[in-house]
Every structure is written in structure tokens, then in C-alpha cells.
Amino acid sequence: MKNFVILDELLNSDLVIFLIFGTIITFIIGLLVKKSKKKIIATIVLLIVYFGCEILIKIQNHYMMEFLLLFSGIIALGGVIGFGISMLFVRKRKDKGI
């Protein structure tokens, strides 16, 4: 966890609220988006944003910029989880014939 600053901070503090916020918002967006190709593209973009924040947070020395990168990375990680859950939810709903 030493290499992943955002994950380390997430597990050692109460910033899980922002992860839950990002997960709920993207889950709702994922239910509204019908094409799974768009969901996969959005998930890849959010992963790129997350890893970009991880890289930039190690370079930055300005406190406020690190803070913004931390929140952006956590919300992007929540977005990846939210889109993943929405893809599974829609797939199970299609399997049941609903």
C-alpha cells in the first residue's frame, strides 16, 4: 500500500464517504446508460483518472493540489466500482428476463 497513496489514505481515514458517493452516482448513471460499450469506456477513463491522480499526488508539493487529487482519485475509484456493479446488475436482470 506504500505505492498507492490514495488507497492507503482511503483505508486509514474516514474518506470512505466520498468513495460511497462516487459509487452511488455512477451506479445510477450506469443504470441509465443502456450500452455496455459506453460503460466499459467510462470505466477505463475513470481508471486512467485514478492512476493519473496516484502518479500526480506523488509529484505535487502543494497541499491544496494534493487534497484535490486525493478527492478526485477516490471519487474516480468509486466510479469504477459503481459502473462495475451496474454492469453486473443489468446482466443479472437480463438473465432473469426482467
PDB file of N, CA and C in Angstrom:
ATOM      1  N   MET A   1       0.807  -1.205   0.000  1.00  0.00           N
ATOM      2  CA  MET A   1       0.000   0.000   0.000  1.00  0.00           C
ATOM      3  C   MET A   1       0.848   1.266   0.000  1.00  0.00           C
ATOM      4  N   LYS A   2       2.132   1.092   0.185  1.00  0.00           N
ATOM      5  CA  LYS A   2       3.008   2.254   0.208  1.00  0.00           C
ATOM      6  C   LYS A   2       3.047   2.955  -1.146  1.00  0.00           C
ATOM      7  N   ASN A   3       2.860   2.193  -2.207  1.00  0.00           N
ATOM      8  CA  ASN A   3       2.915   2.774  -3.541  1.00  0.00           C
ATOM      9  C   ASN A   3       1.622   3.463  -3.938  1.00  0.00           C
ATOM     10  N   PHE A   4       0.510   3.028  -3.379  1.00  0.00           N
ATOM     11  CA  PHE A   4      -0.788   3.607  -3.699  1.00  0.00           C
ATOM     12  C   PHE A   4      -1.207   4.545  -2.572  1.00  0.00           C
ATOM     13  N   VAL A   5      -0.920   5.814  -2.748  1.00  0.00           N
ATOM     14  CA  VAL A   5      -1.167   6.817  -1.711  1.00  0.00           C
ATOM     15  C   VAL A   5      -2.660   6.985  -1.448  1.00  0.00           C
ATOM     16  N   ILE A   6      -3.449   7.014  -2.506  1.00  0.00           N
ATOM     17  CA  ILE A   6      -4.881   7.255  -2.357  1.00  0.00           C
ATOM     18  C   ILE A   6      -5.552   6.073  -1.661  1.00  0.00           C
ATOM     19  N   LEU A   7      -5.210   4.853  -2.060  1.00  0.00           N
ATOM     20  CA  LEU A   7      -5.780   3.685  -1.396  1.00  0.00           C
ATOM     21  C   LEU A   7      -5.360   3.610   0.069  1.00  0.00           C
ATOM     22  N   ASP A   8      -4.119   3.937   0.339  1.00  0.00           N
ATOM     23  CA  ASP A   8      -3.634   3.932   1.716  1.00  0.00           C
ATOM     24  C   ASP A   8      -4.385   4.954   2.556  1.00  0.00           C
ATOM     25  N   GLU A   9      -4.575   6.132   2.029  1.00  0.00           N
ATOM     26  CA  GLU A   9      -5.314   7.180   2.743  1.00  0.00           C
ATOM     27  C   GLU A   9      -6.785   6.796   2.904  1.00  0.00           C
ATOM     28  N   LEU A  10      -7.333   6.135   1.907  1.00  0.00           N
ATOM     29  CA  LEU A  10      -8.726   5.706   1.967  1.00  0.00           C
ATOM     30  C   LEU A  10      -8.945   4.679   3.071  1.00  0.00           C
ATOM     31  N   LEU A  11      -8.028   3.741   3.197  1.00  0.00           N
ATOM     32  CA  LEU A  11      -8.178   2.690   4.199  1.00  0.00           C
ATOM     33  C   LEU A  11      -7.845   3.160   5.610  1.00  0.00           C
ATOM     34  N   ASN A  12      -7.085   4.242   5.734  1.00  0.00           N
ATOM     35  CA  ASN A  12      -6.675   4.701   7.058  1.00  0.00           C
ATOM     36  C   ASN A  12      -7.436   5.924   7.550  1.00  0.00           C
ATOM     37  N   SER A  13      -8.489   6.325   6.874  1.00  0.00           N
ATOM     38  CA  SER A  13      -9.223   7.517   7.302  1.00  0.00           C
ATOM     39  C   SER A  13     -10.713   7.320   7.044  1.00  0.00           C
ATOM     40  N   ASP A  14     -11.461   8.381   7.248  1.00  0.00           N
ATOM     41  CA  ASP A  14     -12.904   8.306   7.056  1.00  0.00           C
ATOM     42  C   ASP A  14     -13.339   8.880   5.707  1.00  0.00           C
ATOM     43  N   LEU A  15     -12.503   8.783   4.720  1.00  0.00           N
ATOM     44  CA  LEU A  15     -12.821   9.288   3.387  1.00  0.00           C
ATOM     45  C   LEU A  15     -13.659   8.312   2.571  1.00  0.00           C
ATOM     46  N   VAL A  16     -14.128   7.252   3.204  1.00  0.00           N
ATOM     47  CA  VAL A  16     -14.958   6.263   2.528  1.00  0.00           C
ATOM     48  C   VAL A  16     -16.269   6.893   2.063  1.00  0.00           C
ATOM     49  N   ILE A  17     -16.672   7.983   2.696  1.00  0.00           N
ATOM     50  CA  ILE A  17     -17.894   8.678   2.311  1.00  0.00           C
ATOM     51  C   ILE A  17     -17.824   9.121   0.846  1.00  0.00           C
ATOM     52  N   PHE A  18     -16.667   9.614   0.422  1.00  0.00           N
ATOM     53  CA  PHE A  18     -16.510  10.050  -0.965  1.00  0.00           C
ATOM     54  C   PHE A  18     -16.497   8.869  -1.919  1.00  0.00           C
ATOM     55  N   LEU A  19     -15.966   7.729  -1.477  1.00  0.00           N
ATOM     56  CA  LEU A  19     -15.998   6.518  -2.290  1.00  0.00           C
ATOM     57  C   LEU A  19     -17.442   6.061  -2.476  1.00  0.00           C
ATOM     58  N   ILE A  20     -18.225   6.083  -1.411  1.00  0.00           N
ATOM     59  CA  ILE A  20     -19.630   5.699  -1.488  1.00  0.00           C
ATOM     60  C   ILE A  20     -20.398   6.677  -2.374  1.00  0.00           C
ATOM     61  N   PHE A  21     -20.103   7.966  -2.252  1.00  0.00           N
ATOM     62  CA  PHE A  21     -20.739   8.985  -3.083  1.00  0.00           C
ATOM     63  C   PHE A  21     -20.474   8.715  -4.563  1.00  0.00           C
ATOM     64  N   GLY A  22     -19.222   8.484  -4.919  1.00  0.00           N
ATOM     65  CA  GLY A  22     -18.876   8.192  -6.318  1.00  0.00           C
ATOM     66  C   GLY A  22     -19.510   6.911  -6.813  1.00  0.00           C
ATOM     67  N   THR A  23     -19.603   5.904  -5.928  1.00  0.00           N
ATOM     68  CA  THR A  23     -20.212   4.637  -6.306  1.00  0.00           C
ATOM     69  C   THR A  23     -21.701   4.794  -6.588  1.00  0.00           C
ATOM     70  N   ILE A  24     -22.405   5.511  -5.718  1.00  0.00           N
ATOM     71  CA  ILE A  24     -23.851   5.685  -5.895  1.00  0.00           C
ATOM     72  C   ILE A  24     -24.161   6.483  -7.156  1.00  0.00           C
ATOM     73  N   ILE A  25     -23.446   7.580  -7.365  1.00  0.00           N
ATOM     74  CA  ILE A  25     -23.696   8.416  -8.541  1.00  0.00           C
ATOM     75  C   ILE A  25     -23.450   7.644  -9.837  1.00  0.00           C
ATOM     76  N   THR A  26     -22.326   6.932  -9.913  1.00  0.00           N
ATOM     77  CA  THR A  26     -22.037   6.211 -11.159  1.00  0.00           C
ATOM     78  C   THR A  26     -22.904   4.973 -11.316  1.00  0.00           C
ATOM     79  N   PHE A  27     -23.386   4.392 -10.213  1.00  0.00           N
ATOM     80  CA  PHE A  27     -24.330   3.279 -10.328  1.00  0.00           C
ATOM     81  C   PHE A  27     -25.623   3.754 -10.988  1.00  0.00           C
ATOM     82  N   ILE A  28     -26.097   4.917 -10.561  1.00  0.00           N
ATOM     83  CA  ILE A  28     -27.322   5.473 -11.155  1.00  0.00           C
ATOM     84  C   ILE A  28     -27.091   5.814 -12.624  1.00  0.00           C
ATOM     85  N   ILE A  29     -25.951   6.430 -12.922  1.00  0.00           N
ATOM     86  CA  ILE A  29     -25.626   6.743 -14.323  1.00  0.00           C
ATOM     87  C   ILE A  29     -25.499   5.458 -15.131  1.00  0.00           C
ATOM     88  N   GLY A  30     -24.900   4.425 -14.532  1.00  0.00           N
ATOM     89  CA  GLY A  30     -24.748   3.147 -15.216  1.00  0.00           C
ATOM     90  C   GLY A  30     -26.069   2.479 -15.524  1.00  0.00           C
ATOM     91  N   LEU A  31     -27.070   2.678 -14.668  1.00  0.00           N
ATOM     92  CA  LEU A  31     -28.391   2.125 -14.959  1.00  0.00           C
ATOM     93  C   LEU A  31     -29.084   2.886 -16.082  1.00  0.00           C
ATOM     94  N   LEU A  32     -28.785   4.180 -16.205  1.00  0.00           N
ATOM     95  CA  LEU A  32     -29.404   4.988 -17.252  1.00  0.00           C
ATOM     96  C   LEU A  32     -28.763   4.761 -18.620  1.00  0.00           C
ATOM     97  N   VAL A  33     -27.474   4.443 -18.637  1.00  0.00           N
ATOM     98  CA  VAL A  33     -26.772   4.183 -19.899  1.00  0.00           C
ATOM     99  C   VAL A  33     -27.074   2.749 -20.316  1.00  0.00           C
ATOM    100  N   LYS A  34     -27.573   2.568 -21.498  1.00  0.00           N
ATOM    101  CA  LYS A  34     -28.018   1.246 -21.954  1.00  0.00           C
ATOM    102  C   LYS A  34     -26.896   0.412 -22.569  1.00  0.00           C
ATOM    103  N   LYS A  35     -25.985   1.047 -23.270  1.00  0.00           N
ATOM    104  CA  LYS A  35     -24.955   0.296 -23.982  1.00  0.00           C
ATOM    105  C   LYS A  35     -23.797  -0.031 -23.046  1.00  0.00           C
ATOM    106  N   SER A  36     -23.443  -1.301 -23.006  1.00  0.00           N
ATOM    107  CA  SER A  36     -22.358  -1.719 -22.118  1.00  0.00           C
ATOM    108  C   SER A  36     -20.995  -1.255 -22.641  1.00  0.00           C
ATOM    109  N   LYS A  37     -20.895  -0.989 -23.953  1.00  0.00           N
ATOM    110  CA  LYS A  37     -19.640  -0.491 -24.510  1.00  0.00           C
ATOM    111  C   LYS A  37     -19.308   0.881 -23.929  1.00  0.00           C
ATOM    112  N   LYS A  38     -20.321   1.724 -23.754  1.00  0.00           N
ATOM    113  CA  LYS A  38     -20.105   3.047 -23.156  1.00  0.00           C
ATOM    114  C   LYS A  38     -19.714   2.922 -21.689  1.00  0.00           C
ATOM    115  N   LYS A  39     -20.277   1.942 -20.997  1.00  0.00           N
ATOM    116  CA  LYS A  39     -19.918   1.724 -19.598  1.00  0.00           C
ATOM    117  C   LYS A  39     -18.470   1.267 -19.466  1.00  0.00           C
ATOM    118  N   ILE A  40     -18.048   0.411 -20.373  1.00  0.00           N
ATOM    119  CA  ILE A  40     -16.666  -0.069 -20.340  1.00  0.00           C
ATOM    120  C   ILE A  40     -15.703   1.072 -20.638  1.00  0.00           C
ATOM    121  N   ILE A  41     -16.035   1.907 -21.612  1.00  0.00           N
ATOM    122  CA  ILE A  41     -15.195   3.067 -21.930  1.00  0.00           C
ATOM    123  C   ILE A  41     -15.127   4.022 -20.742  1.00  0.00           C
ATOM    124  N   ALA A  42     -16.265   4.253 -20.098  1.00  0.00           N
ATOM    125  CA  ALA A  42     -16.290   5.139 -18.926  1.00  0.00           C
ATOM    126  C   ALA A  42     -15.466   4.559 -17.786  1.00  0.00           C
ATOM    127  N   THR A  43     -15.528   3.250 -17.596  1.00  0.00           N
ATOM    128  CA  THR A  43     -14.736   2.603 -16.548  1.00  0.00           C
ATOM    129  C   THR A  43     -13.246   2.736 -16.831  1.00  0.00           C
ATOM    130  N   ILE A  44     -12.859   2.572 -18.079  1.00  0.00           N
ATOM    131  CA  ILE A  44     -11.445   2.715 -18.448  1.00  0.00           C
ATOM    132  C   ILE A  44     -10.978   4.150 -18.236  1.00  0.00           C
ATOM    133  N   VAL A  45     -11.820   5.117 -18.609  1.00  0.00           N
ATOM    134  CA  VAL A  45     -11.466   6.529 -18.397  1.00  0.00           C
ATOM    135  C   VAL A  45     -11.311   6.825 -16.905  1.00  0.00           C
ATOM    136  N   LEU A  46     -12.210   6.295 -16.090  1.00  0.00           N
ATOM    137  CA  LEU A  46     -12.116   6.520 -14.647  1.00  0.00           C
ATOM    138  C   LEU A  46     -10.869   5.856 -14.056  1.00  0.00           C
ATOM    139  N   LEU A  47     -10.500   4.692 -14.578  1.00  0.00           N
ATOM    140  CA  LEU A  47      -9.251   4.063 -14.126  1.00  0.00           C
ATOM    141  C   LEU A  47      -8.037   4.909 -14.497  1.00  0.00           C
ATOM    142  N   ILE A  48      -8.061   5.487 -15.689  1.00  0.00           N
ATOM    143  CA  ILE A  48      -6.968   6.368 -16.101  1.00  0.00           C
ATOM    144  C   ILE A  48      -6.908   7.594 -15.202  1.00  0.00           C
ATOM    145  N   VAL A  49      -8.079   8.160 -14.868  1.00  0.00           N
ATOM    146  CA  VAL A  49      -8.118   9.311 -13.955  1.00  0.00           C
ATOM    147  C   VAL A  49      -7.556   8.926 -12.592  1.00  0.00           C
ATOM    148  N   TYR A  50      -7.964   7.759 -12.091  1.00  0.00           N
ATOM    149  CA  TYR A  50      -7.470   7.316 -10.782  1.00  0.00           C
ATOM    150  C   TYR A  50      -5.950   7.161 -10.780  1.00  0.00           C
ATOM    151  N   PHE A  51      -5.426   6.434 -11.773  1.00  0.00           N
ATOM    152  CA  PHE A  51      -3.976   6.227 -11.799  1.00  0.00           C
ATOM    153  C   PHE A  51      -3.228   7.525 -12.085  1.00  0.00           C
ATOM    154  N   GLY A  52      -3.837   8.425 -12.851  1.00  0.00           N
ATOM    155  CA  GLY A  52      -3.239   9.742 -13.050  1.00  0.00           C
ATOM    156  C   GLY A  52      -3.142  10.511 -11.742  1.00  0.00           C
ATOM    157  N   CYS A  53      -4.185  10.427 -10.934  1.00  0.00           N
ATOM    158  CA  CYS A  53      -4.159  11.083  -9.619  1.00  0.00           C
ATOM    159  C   CYS A  53      -3.106  10.450  -8.721  1.00  0.00           C
ATOM    160  N   GLU A  54      -2.985   9.120  -8.784  1.00  0.00           N
ATOM    161  CA  GLU A  54      -1.960   8.433  -7.978  1.00  0.00           C
ATOM    162  C   GLU A  54      -0.557   8.912  -8.360  1.00  0.00           C
ATOM    163  N   ILE A  55      -0.325   9.066  -9.654  1.00  0.00           N
ATOM    164  CA  ILE A  55       1.002   9.499 -10.109  1.00  0.00           C
ATOM    165  C   ILE A  55       1.250  10.958  -9.743  1.00  0.00           C
ATOM    166  N   LEU A  56       0.248  11.811  -9.993  1.00  0.00           N
ATOM    167  CA  LEU A  56       0.434  13.241  -9.740  1.00  0.00           C
ATOM    168  C   LEU A  56       0.529  13.575  -8.250  1.00  0.00           C
ATOM    169  N   ILE A  57      -0.120  12.793  -7.403  1.00  0.00           N
ATOM    170  CA  ILE A  57      -0.091  13.097  -5.975  1.00  0.00           C
ATOM    171  C   ILE A  57       1.307  12.853  -5.399  1.00  0.00           C
ATOM    172  N   LYS A  58       2.061  11.970  -6.048  1.00  0.00           N
ATOM    173  CA  LYS A  58       3.445  11.731  -5.595  1.00  0.00           C
ATOM    174  C   LYS A  58       4.376  12.857  -6.026  1.00  0.00           C
ATOM    175  N   ILE A  59       4.029  13.541  -7.109  1.00  0.00           N
ATOM    176  CA  ILE A  59       4.874  14.609  -7.647  1.00  0.00           C
ATOM    177  C   ILE A  59       4.587  15.943  -6.974  1.00  0.00           C
ATOM    178  N   GLN A  60       3.317  16.213  -6.660  1.00  0.00           N
ATOM    179  CA  GLN A  60       2.902  17.515  -6.146  1.00  0.00           C
ATOM    180  C   GLN A  60       3.459  17.798  -4.755  1.00  0.00           C
ATOM    181  N   ASN A  61       3.804  19.053  -4.506  1.00  0.00           N
ATOM    182  CA  ASN A  61       4.236  19.502  -3.192  1.00  0.00           C
ATOM    183  C   ASN A  61       3.262  20.510  -2.596  1.00  0.00           C
ATOM    184  N   HIS A  62       2.306  20.933  -3.388  1.00  0.00           N
ATOM    185  CA  HIS A  62       1.331  21.910  -2.924  1.00  0.00           C
ATOM    186  C   HIS A  62       0.203  21.181  -2.203  1.00  0.00           C
ATOM    187  N   TYR A  63      -0.091  21.598  -0.981  1.00  0.00           N
ATOM    188  CA  TYR A  63      -1.049  20.889  -0.133  1.00  0.00           C
ATOM    189  C   TYR A  63      -2.449  20.852  -0.737  1.00  0.00           C
ATOM    190  N   MET A  64      -2.925  21.963  -1.257  1.00  0.00           N
ATOM    191  CA  MET A  64      -4.277  22.022  -1.792  1.00  0.00           C
ATOM    192  C   MET A  64      -4.415  21.157  -3.042  1.00  0.00           C
ATOM    193  N   MET A  65      -3.400  21.122  -3.872  1.00  0.00           N
ATOM    194  CA  MET A  65      -3.444  20.284  -5.071  1.00  0.00           C
ATOM    195  C   MET A  65      -3.460  18.809  -4.693  1.00  0.00           C
ATOM    196  N   GLU A  66      -2.686  18.424  -3.680  1.00  0.00           N
ATOM    197  CA  GLU A  66      -2.712  17.040  -3.207  1.00  0.00           C
ATOM    198  C   GLU A  66      -4.099  16.672  -2.684  1.00  0.00           C
ATOM    199  N   PHE A  67      -4.725  17.606  -1.994  1.00  0.00           N
ATOM    200  CA  PHE A  67      -6.061  17.394  -1.450  1.00  0.00           C
ATOM    201  C   PHE A  67      -7.073  17.173  -2.575  1.00  0.00           C
ATOM    202  N   LEU A  68      -7.024  17.996  -3.622  1.00  0.00           N
ATOM    203  CA  LEU A  68      -7.933  17.854  -4.767  1.00  0.00           C
ATOM    204  C   LEU A  68      -7.680  16.549  -5.523  1.00  0.00           C
ATOM    205  N   LEU A  69      -6.417  16.180  -5.657  1.00  0.00           N
ATOM    206  CA  LEU A  69      -6.092  14.924  -6.321  1.00  0.00           C
ATOM    207  C   LEU A  69      -6.572  13.729  -5.507  1.00  0.00           C
ATOM    208  N   LEU A  70      -6.484  13.840  -4.196  1.00  0.00           N
ATOM    209  CA  LEU A  70      -6.958  12.775  -3.320  1.00  0.00           C
ATOM    210  C   LEU A  70      -8.454  12.554  -3.488  1.00  0.00           C
ATOM    211  N   PHE A  71      -9.231  13.636  -3.440  1.00  0.00           N
ATOM    212  CA  PHE A  71     -10.674  13.513  -3.611  1.00  0.00           C
ATOM    213  C   PHE A  71     -11.043  13.049  -5.013  1.00  0.00           C
ATOM    214  N   SER A  72     -10.362  13.560  -6.027  1.00  0.00           N
ATOM    215  CA  SER A  72     -10.645  13.142  -7.406  1.00  0.00           C
ATOM    216  C   SER A  72     -10.350  11.659  -7.595  1.00  0.00           C
ATOM    217  N   GLY A  73      -9.254  11.199  -7.034  1.00  0.00           N
ATOM    218  CA  GLY A  73      -8.895   9.786  -7.145  1.00  0.00           C
ATOM    219  C   GLY A  73      -9.881   8.882  -6.433  1.00  0.00           C
ATOM    220  N   ILE A  74     -10.336   9.302  -5.254  1.00  0.00           N
ATOM    221  CA  ILE A  74     -11.294   8.490  -4.506  1.00  0.00           C
ATOM    222  C   ILE A  74     -12.633   8.423  -5.234  1.00  0.00           C
ATOM    223  N   ILE A  75     -13.095   9.544  -5.757  1.00  0.00           N
ATOM    224  CA  ILE A  75     -14.366   9.547  -6.484  1.00  0.00           C
ATOM    225  C   ILE A  75     -14.240   8.739  -7.782  1.00  0.00           C
ATOM    226  N   ALA A  76     -13.099   8.814  -8.456  1.00  0.00           N
ATOM    227  CA  ALA A  76     -12.892   8.012  -9.666  1.00  0.00           C
ATOM    228  C   ALA A  76     -12.877   6.525  -9.331  1.00  0.00           C
ATOM    229  N   LEU A  77     -12.281   6.155  -8.221  1.00  0.00           N
ATOM    230  CA  LEU A  77     -12.278   4.760  -7.796  1.00  0.00           C
ATOM    231  C   LEU A  77     -13.698   4.304  -7.461  1.00  0.00           C
ATOM    232  N   GLY A  78     -14.471   5.156  -6.830  1.00  0.00           N
ATOM    233  CA  GLY A  78     -15.872   4.852  -6.577  1.00  0.00           C
ATOM    234  C   GLY A  78     -16.649   4.707  -7.870  1.00  0.00           C
ATOM    235  N   GLY A  79     -16.288   5.500  -8.869  1.00  0.00           N
ATOM    236  CA  GLY A  79     -16.936   5.397 -10.171  1.00  0.00           C
ATOM    237  C   GLY A  79     -16.664   4.066 -10.849  1.00  0.00           C
ATOM    238  N   VAL A  80     -15.451   3.584 -10.727  1.00  0.00           N
ATOM    239  CA  VAL A  80     -15.110   2.277 -11.290  1.00  0.00           C
ATOM    240  C   VAL A  80     -15.956   1.191 -10.623  1.00  0.00           C
ATOM    241  N   ILE A  81     -16.085   1.276  -9.313  1.00  0.00           N
ATOM    242  CA  ILE A  81     -16.899   0.299  -8.581  1.00  0.00           C
ATOM    243  C   ILE A  81     -18.367   0.425  -8.980  1.00  0.00           C
ATOM    244  N   GLY A  82     -18.866   1.651  -9.090  1.00  0.00           N
ATOM    245  CA  GLY A  82     -20.264   1.867  -9.451  1.00  0.00           C
ATOM    246  C   GLY A  82     -20.616   1.343 -10.825  1.00  0.00           C
ATOM    247  N   PHE A  83     -19.758   1.607 -11.811  1.00  0.00           N
ATOM    248  CA  PHE A  83     -20.028   1.089 -13.153  1.00  0.00           C
ATOM    249  C   PHE A  83     -19.930  -0.431 -13.181  1.00  0.00           C
ATOM    250  N   GLY A  84     -19.003  -0.993 -12.406  1.00  0.00           N
ATOM    251  CA  GLY A  84     -18.895  -2.451 -12.331  1.00  0.00           C
ATOM    252  C   GLY A  84     -20.149  -3.081 -11.756  1.00  0.00           C
ATOM    253  N   ILE A  85     -20.664  -2.494 -10.687  1.00  0.00           N
ATOM    254  CA  ILE A  85     -21.891  -3.016 -10.075  1.00  0.00           C
ATOM    255  C   ILE A  85     -23.068  -2.864 -11.032  1.00  0.00           C
ATOM    256  N   SER A  86     -23.153  -1.737 -11.727  1.00  0.00           N
ATOM    257  CA  SER A  86     -24.280  -1.538 -12.649  1.00  0.00           C
ATOM    258  C   SER A  86     -24.217  -2.521 -13.815  1.00  0.00           C
ATOM    259  N   MET A  87     -23.019  -2.861 -14.287  1.00  0.00           N
ATOM    260  CA  MET A  87     -22.912  -3.850 -15.365  1.00  0.00           C
ATOM    261  C   MET A  87     -23.357  -5.229 -14.882  1.00  0.00           C
ATOM    262  N   LEU A  88     -22.980  -5.597 -13.656  1.00  0.00           N
ATOM    263  CA  LEU A  88     -23.422  -6.879 -13.107  1.00  0.00           C
ATOM    264  C   LEU A  88     -24.923  -6.888 -12.850  1.00  0.00           C
ATOM    265  N   PHE A  89     -25.455  -5.780 -12.364  1.00  0.00           N
ATOM    266  CA  PHE A  89     -26.881  -5.673 -12.060  1.00  0.00           C
ATOM    267  C   PHE A  89     -27.716  -5.814 -13.319  1.00  0.00           C
ATOM    268  N   VAL A  90     -27.306  -5.144 -14.369  1.00  0.00           N
ATOM    269  CA  VAL A  90     -28.049  -5.205 -15.640  1.00  0.00           C
ATOM    270  C   VAL A  90     -27.923  -6.604 -16.238  1.00  0.00           C
ATOM    271  N   ARG A  91     -26.771  -7.228 -16.127  1.00  0.00           N
ATOM    272  CA  ARG A  91     -26.588  -8.573 -16.673  1.00  0.00           C
ATOM    273  C   ARG A  91     -27.478  -9.569 -15.936  1.00  0.00           C
ATOM    274  N   LYS A  92     -27.534  -9.491 -14.615  1.00  0.00           N
ATOM    275  CA  LYS A  92     -28.387 -10.412 -13.858  1.00  0.00           C
ATOM    276  C   LYS A  92     -29.855 -10.160 -14.152  1.00  0.00           C
ATOM    277  N   ARG A  93     -30.227  -8.896 -14.360  1.00  0.00           N
ATOM    278  CA  ARG A  93     -31.605  -8.563 -14.679  1.00  0.00           C
ATOM    279  C   ARG A  93     -31.980  -9.130 -16.052  1.00  0.00           C
ATOM    280  N   LYS A  94     -31.060  -9.108 -17.002  1.00  0.00           N
ATOM    281  CA  LYS A  94     -31.327  -9.671 -18.326  1.00  0.00           C
ATOM    282  C   LYS A  94     -31.415 -11.190 -18.260  1.00  0.00           C
ATOM    283  N   ASP A  95     -30.571 -11.814 -17.394  1.00  0.00           N
ATOM    284  CA  ASP A  95     -30.610 -13.272 -17.265  1.00  0.00           C
ATOM    285  C   ASP A  95     -31.940 -13.749 -16.691  1.00  0.00           C
ATOM    286  N   LYS A  96     -32.528 -12.978 -15.790  1.00  0.00           N
ATOM    287  CA  LYS A  96     -33.812 -13.357 -15.200  1.00  0.00           C
ATOM    288  C   LYS A  96     -34.980 -13.036 -16.129  1.00  0.00           C
ATOM    289  N   GLY A  97     -34.747 -12.238 -17.145  1.00  0.00           N
ATOM    290  CA  GLY A  97     -35.792 -11.895 -18.089  1.00  0.00           C
ATOM    291  C   GLY A  97     -36.681 -10.754 -17.641  1.00  0.00           C
ATOM    292  N   ILE A  98     -36.162  -9.918 -16.773  1.00  0.00           N
ATOM    293  CA  ILE A  98     -36.943  -8.771 -16.276  1.00  0.00           C
ATOM    294  C   ILE A  98     -36.822  -7.623 -17.248  1.00  0.00           C
TER     295      ILE A  98
END
